[in-house]
């Protein structure tokens, strides 16, 4: 990607999914490609875990 904000990036295969992490000047961008239904389920689990961390 030719985005001037991207400082560093990496792409990794994780099973049947592909994860791309980009380091930006003001944070991170994470892109996940894979089976839509599987990703929706994992996103719900990840969201629940983040909410749990916020309450502790």
Protein backbone atom coordinates (compact mmCIF):
# COMPACT_ATOMS: atom_id res chain seq x y z
CA UNK A 1 0.00 0.00 0.00
CA UNK A 2 1.32 3.44 -0.88
CA UNK A 3 -0.17 5.16 2.16
CA UNK A 4 2.23 7.86 3.38
CA UNK A 5 1.04 7.33 6.98
CA UNK A 6 2.31 3.71 7.03
CA UNK A 7 5.69 3.42 8.73
CA UNK A 8 5.97 -0.37 8.82
CA UNK A 9 3.75 -3.32 7.89
CA UNK A 10 3.65 -7.09 8.04
CA UNK A 11 1.30 -9.72 6.63
CA UNK A 12 0.96 -13.20 8.11
CA UNK A 13 -1.10 -16.28 7.24
CA UNK A 14 -2.96 -17.68 10.25
CA UNK A 15 -4.68 -20.88 9.23
CA UNK A 16 -7.17 -19.99 6.51
CA UNK A 17 -7.03 -16.27 7.36
CA UNK A 18 -4.55 -13.55 6.50
CA UNK A 19 -3.72 -10.73 8.92
CA UNK A 20 -2.03 -7.49 7.91
CA UNK A 21 -0.77 -5.10 10.61
CA UNK A 22 0.34 -1.61 9.62
CA UNK A 23 2.18 0.73 11.95
CA UNK A 24 1.01 4.30 11.36
CA UNK A 25 2.24 7.62 12.71
CA UNK A 26 -0.87 7.85 14.92
CA UNK A 27 -1.66 4.19 15.76
CA UNK A 28 -2.13 0.81 14.08
CA UNK A 29 -4.35 -0.56 11.32
CA UNK A 30 -5.26 -4.26 11.36
CA UNK A 31 -6.81 -5.90 8.30
CA UNK A 32 -8.08 -9.49 8.43
CA UNK A 33 -9.08 -11.47 5.33
CA UNK A 34 -10.77 -14.86 5.47
CA UNK A 35 -14.09 -16.68 5.81
CA UNK A 36 -16.74 -14.08 6.65
CA UNK A 37 -18.73 -16.21 9.12
CA UNK A 38 -15.62 -17.40 10.95
CA UNK A 39 -14.33 -13.82 11.20
CA UNK A 40 -17.68 -12.58 12.57
CA UNK A 41 -17.54 -15.20 15.33
CA UNK A 42 -13.94 -14.35 16.23
CA UNK A 43 -14.76 -10.63 16.24
CA UNK A 44 -17.58 -11.24 18.77
CA UNK A 45 -15.23 -13.23 21.01
CA UNK A 46 -12.50 -10.58 20.70
CA UNK A 47 -14.98 -7.80 21.47
CA UNK A 48 -16.23 -9.62 24.56
CA UNK A 49 -12.64 -10.03 25.79
CA UNK A 50 -11.91 -6.31 25.28
CA UNK A 51 -15.10 -5.40 27.17
CA UNK A 52 -14.04 -7.71 30.00
CA UNK A 53 -10.66 -5.95 30.22
CA UNK A 54 -12.37 -2.54 30.37
CA UNK A 55 -14.38 -3.56 33.44
CA UNK A 56 -11.43 -4.81 35.48
